[in-house]
């Protein structure tokens, strides 16, 4: 039996690739959202000169690169996006530098602006069972991803505005400790997970359509 050891020399450096994702869906940017870049490591610095923006193959320099004030994983590109234009963005190597001195390799993105007519709006009149309690009303998609959430404690109207046409559902968290999040419970502390209720009614959005609907939240189920 022969043992082979691989030792890392003092001069060797582990390299980490900085990668990014954006908020483009099916090649389209939601006209109500900023173009958002999300990184796998917190970014320390960015070099806008290493970013090339093309609008219908014409180079544009009047864009802004904005760092999120709270989330170190996010940057935004601010630009007056226009309908019926094709956008190509090239991030040259080293456009972003993150912790561990991680840098991005060349990344190319391409998209168009989605038309406003592809979106719908829902005004939801909500009746709560107890105004001394707090409730988190979540709009979720068919895969139970949270799209938008509202925290309320009284009868309210919330606007689920300018979202892509499609099927949405309502999930309600009975926020017992009023901290605005769903608590899973703690065995040591003897606390139970906060209760959740799913509305049986689908809340579909139609393109270029505004609708008004009602939702009555029932009392939380008893043990």
Protein backbone atom coordinates (compact mmCIF):
# COMPACT_ATOMS: atom_id res chain seq x y z
CA UNK A 1 0.00 0.00 0.00
CA UNK A 2 1.49 3.29 -1.10
CA UNK A 3 0.47 6.55 0.60
CA UNK A 4 0.64 9.76 -1.35
CA UNK A 5 0.50 13.08 0.46
CA UNK A 6 -0.33 16.38 -1.19
CA UNK A 7 1.00 19.29 0.77
CA UNK A 8 0.10 22.90 0.14
CA UNK A 9 3.22 25.03 -0.16
CA UNK A 10 3.50 28.35 1.64
CA UNK A 11 3.50 30.23 -1.65
CA UNK A 12 0.41 28.51 -2.97
CA UNK A 13 -2.85 30.41 -2.80
CA UNK A 14 -6.34 28.99 -2.85
CA UNK A 15 -8.41 30.86 -5.40
CA UNK A 16 -12.08 31.53 -4.92
CA UNK A 17 -14.31 32.50 -7.82
CA UNK A 18 -16.72 35.34 -7.30
CA UNK A 19 -19.97 34.54 -9.08
CA UNK A 20 -23.15 36.52 -9.53
CA UNK A 21 -26.79 36.00 -10.34
CA UNK A 22 -29.31 38.60 -11.47
CA UNK A 23 -33.07 39.12 -11.39
CA UNK A 24 -33.66 38.39 -15.07
CA UNK A 25 -36.53 35.96 -15.69
CA UNK A 26 -36.85 34.30 -19.10
CA UNK A 27 -34.57 36.94 -20.59
CA UNK A 28 -36.73 39.82 -19.34
CA UNK A 29 -36.27 42.49 -16.67
CA UNK A 30 -39.30 43.45 -14.61
CA UNK A 31 -39.83 47.17 -15.42
CA UNK A 32 -40.80 47.78 -11.80
CA UNK A 33 -37.52 46.42 -10.44
CA UNK A 34 -33.93 47.57 -10.49
CA UNK A 35 -31.41 45.40 -12.30
CA UNK A 36 -29.99 43.52 -9.32
CA UNK A 37 -26.72 41.61 -8.98
CA UNK A 38 -26.38 39.10 -6.14
CA UNK A 39 -22.93 37.69 -5.30
CA UNK A 40 -21.80 34.56 -3.47
CA UNK A 41 -19.37 36.56 -1.27
CA UNK A 42 -19.59 40.04 0.27
CA UNK A 43 -18.13 42.52 -2.22
CA UNK A 44 -15.50 44.99 -0.99
CA UNK A 45 -14.99 47.04 -4.14
CA UNK A 46 -16.23 47.47 -7.70
CA UNK A 47 -14.74 49.01 -10.83
CA UNK A 48 -17.41 50.47 -13.15
CA UNK A 49 -14.80 50.94 -15.88
CA UNK A 50 -14.74 47.16 -16.24
CA UNK A 51 -18.47 47.03 -16.99
CA UNK A 52 -19.68 47.51 -20.56
CA UNK A 53 -23.36 48.22 -21.25
CA UNK A 54 -24.68 47.93 -24.79
CA UNK A 55 -28.14 49.08 -25.85
CA UNK A 56 -28.94 47.60 -29.26
CA UNK A 57 -25.17 47.10 -29.69
CA UNK A 58 -24.45 50.79 -28.92
CA UNK A 59 -22.19 51.41 -25.92
CA UNK A 60 -23.79 53.42 -23.12
CA UNK A 61 -21.84 55.00 -20.29
CA UNK A 62 -24.60 56.86 -18.46
CA UNK A 63 -25.40 54.07 -16.04
CA UNK A 64 -24.80 53.99 -12.30
CA UNK A 65 -23.40 51.14 -10.24
CA UNK A 66 -24.98 51.28 -6.78
CA UNK A 67 -24.01 49.27 -3.73
CA UNK A 68 -26.84 48.11 -1.49
CA UNK A 69 -26.72 50.06 1.78
CA UNK A 70 -27.46 46.99 3.91
CA UNK A 71 -26.87 43.79 1.93
CA UNK A 72 -23.15 43.30 1.15
CA UNK A 73 -24.04 40.66 -1.45
CA UNK A 74 -26.04 43.04 -3.69
CA UNK A 75 -25.29 45.72 -6.25
CA UNK A 76 -27.66 47.49 -8.64
CA UNK A 77 -27.21 48.95 -12.10
CA UNK A 78 -29.33 52.05 -12.55
CA UNK A 79 -30.21 52.99 -16.11
CA UNK A 80 -33.21 54.29 -18.05
CA UNK A 81 -34.11 50.94 -19.56
CA UNK A 82 -36.31 51.24 -22.65
CA UNK A 83 -38.86 48.98 -24.27
CA UNK A 84 -38.02 47.09 -27.45
CA UNK A 85 -34.28 47.37 -26.81
CA UNK A 86 -31.78 44.57 -26.34
CA UNK A 87 -29.27 45.00 -23.54
CA UNK A 88 -25.92 43.27 -23.28
CA UNK A 89 -23.76 43.73 -20.20
CA UNK A 90 -20.17 42.51 -19.99
CA UNK A 91 -18.43 42.27 -16.65
CA UNK A 92 -14.70 42.07 -17.35
CA UNK A 93 -12.50 39.98 -15.03
CA UNK A 94 -11.96 41.79 -11.75
CA UNK A 95 -14.92 44.15 -12.10
CA UNK A 96 -15.82 43.09 -8.54
CA UNK A 97 -13.53 42.16 -5.68
CA UNK A 98 -14.88 40.38 -2.61
CA UNK A 99 -13.56 39.03 0.65
CA UNK A 100 -10.75 36.46 0.34
CA UNK A 101 -9.66 38.68 -2.58
CA UNK A 102 -12.11 36.75 -4.73
CA UNK A 103 -12.65 38.29 -8.16
CA UNK A 104 -15.14 37.56 -10.92
CA UNK A 105 -14.20 35.97 -14.19
CA UNK A 106 -15.68 37.42 -17.39
CA UNK A 107 -19.47 37.37 -17.22
CA UNK A 108 -21.90 38.29 -19.99
CA UNK A 109 -25.59 39.01 -19.54
CA UNK A 110 -28.30 39.76 -22.10
CA UNK A 111 -31.93 40.76 -21.62
CA UNK A 112 -34.84 42.93 -22.71
CA UNK A 113 -37.27 45.02 -20.72
CA UNK A 114 -40.56 43.24 -20.11
CA UNK A 115 -43.61 45.22 -21.22
CA UNK A 116 -45.76 46.79 -18.52
CA UNK A 117 -48.81 45.01 -19.97
CA UNK A 118 -47.41 41.69 -18.72
CA UNK A 119 -48.12 42.57 -15.09
CA UNK A 120 -51.18 42.65 -12.86
CA UNK A 121 -52.25 44.15 -9.55
CA UNK A 122 -54.35 42.78 -6.71
CA UNK A 123 -55.82 44.83 -3.86
CA UNK A 124 -56.61 42.48 -0.99
CA UNK A 125 -59.02 43.54 1.76
CA UNK A 126 -58.01 41.56 4.83
CA UNK A 127 -60.12 40.93 7.94
CA UNK A 128 -58.23 39.69 11.00
CA UNK A 129 -59.78 37.59 13.81
CA UNK A 130 -58.10 39.45 16.70
CA UNK A 131 -56.70 42.99 16.56
CA UNK A 132 -54.46 42.36 19.58
CA UNK A 133 -52.49 39.83 17.57
CA UNK A 134 -50.03 40.14 14.67
CA UNK A 135 -50.22 38.36 11.31
CA UNK A 136 -47.75 37.93 8.46
CA UNK A 137 -49.61 37.73 5.16
CA UNK A 138 -47.43 36.18 2.47
CA UNK A 139 -48.01 35.96 -1.27
CA UNK A 140 -46.39 32.73 -2.45
CA UNK A 141 -46.01 31.08 -5.83
CA UNK A 142 -46.83 27.49 -6.80
CA UNK A 143 -43.47 26.34 -5.41
CA UNK A 144 -44.19 28.08 -2.08
CA UNK A 145 -41.54 30.71 -2.66
CA UNK A 146 -42.36 33.94 -0.82
CA UNK A 147 -42.91 36.74 -3.34
CA UNK A 148 -44.13 39.47 -1.02
CA UNK A 149 -45.01 39.67 2.68
CA UNK A 150 -46.95 42.14 4.81
CA UNK A 151 -47.21 42.31 8.61
CA UNK A 152 -50.60 43.52 9.86
CA UNK A 153 -52.48 43.65 13.17
CA UNK A 154 -55.81 45.14 12.11
CA UNK A 155 -58.24 45.01 9.20
CA UNK A 156 -56.19 46.26 6.27
CA UNK A 157 -55.94 46.56 2.51
CA UNK A 158 -52.65 45.50 0.96
CA UNK A 159 -51.65 45.99 -2.65
CA UNK A 160 -49.86 43.18 -4.46
CA UNK A 161 -48.95 45.49 -7.30
CA UNK A 162 -47.13 45.08 -10.61
CA UNK A 163 -46.21 41.41 -10.45
CA UNK A 164 -46.04 39.00 -13.39
CA UNK A 165 -49.31 37.39 -14.44
CA UNK A 166 -49.67 33.93 -12.96
CA UNK A 167 -50.95 31.88 -10.04
CA UNK A 168 -50.34 33.07 -6.50
CA UNK A 169 -51.51 31.84 -3.11
CA UNK A 170 -51.83 33.29 0.38
CA UNK A 171 -50.10 31.94 3.47
CA UNK A 172 -50.65 33.50 6.89
CA UNK A 173 -48.29 33.19 9.85
CA UNK A 174 -49.85 33.79 13.27
CA UNK A 175 -47.01 35.95 14.60
CA UNK A 176 -47.46 35.29 18.32
CA UNK A 177 -44.37 37.19 19.46
CA UNK A 178 -44.89 40.01 16.95
CA UNK A 179 -41.34 39.91 15.61
CA UNK A 180 -42.32 39.88 11.95
CA UNK A 181 -40.91 36.43 11.12
CA UNK A 182 -42.05 32.83 11.38
CA UNK A 183 -40.50 31.18 14.44
CA UNK A 184 -39.91 27.46 14.19
CA UNK A 185 -40.03 26.84 17.94
CA UNK A 186 -37.38 25.91 20.47
CA UNK A 187 -37.27 22.54 22.19
CA UNK A 188 -35.11 23.77 25.08
CA UNK A 189 -37.37 26.75 25.70
CA UNK A 190 -40.46 24.61 25.26
CA UNK A 191 -41.95 26.84 22.57
CA UNK A 192 -43.95 25.53 19.64
CA UNK A 193 -43.61 26.65 16.00
CA UNK A 194 -45.89 29.55 15.16
CA UNK A 195 -49.01 28.36 13.40
CA UNK A 196 -49.55 28.77 9.67
CA UNK A 197 -52.74 28.92 7.62
CA UNK A 198 -53.00 28.48 3.85
CA UNK A 199 -55.90 30.15 2.08
CA UNK A 200 -57.68 27.58 -0.10
CA UNK A 201 -58.35 30.22 -2.78
CA UNK A 202 -55.95 30.90 -5.61
CA UNK A 203 -55.17 34.58 -6.18
CA UNK A 204 -54.34 34.70 -9.87
CA UNK A 205 -53.01 37.81 -11.55
CA UNK A 206 -53.97 38.54 -15.14
CA UNK A 207 -51.84 40.60 -17.47
CA UNK A 208 -52.67 44.31 -17.52
CA UNK A 209 -55.49 43.75 -15.04
CA UNK A 210 -56.37 45.15 -11.62
CA UNK A 211 -58.63 43.21 -9.28
CA UNK A 212 -59.97 43.60 -5.75
CA UNK A 213 -60.47 40.57 -3.51
CA UNK A 214 -61.27 39.80 0.12
CA UNK A 215 -59.50 37.59 2.63
CA UNK A 216 -60.84 36.67 6.06
CA UNK A 217 -58.16 35.17 8.29
CA UNK A 218 -59.64 32.51 10.61
CA UNK A 219 -58.61 32.16 14.26
CA UNK A 220 -55.47 30.05 14.66
CA UNK A 221 -56.15 26.31 14.88
CA UNK A 222 -56.23 24.95 18.42
CA UNK A 223 -53.88 22.24 19.57
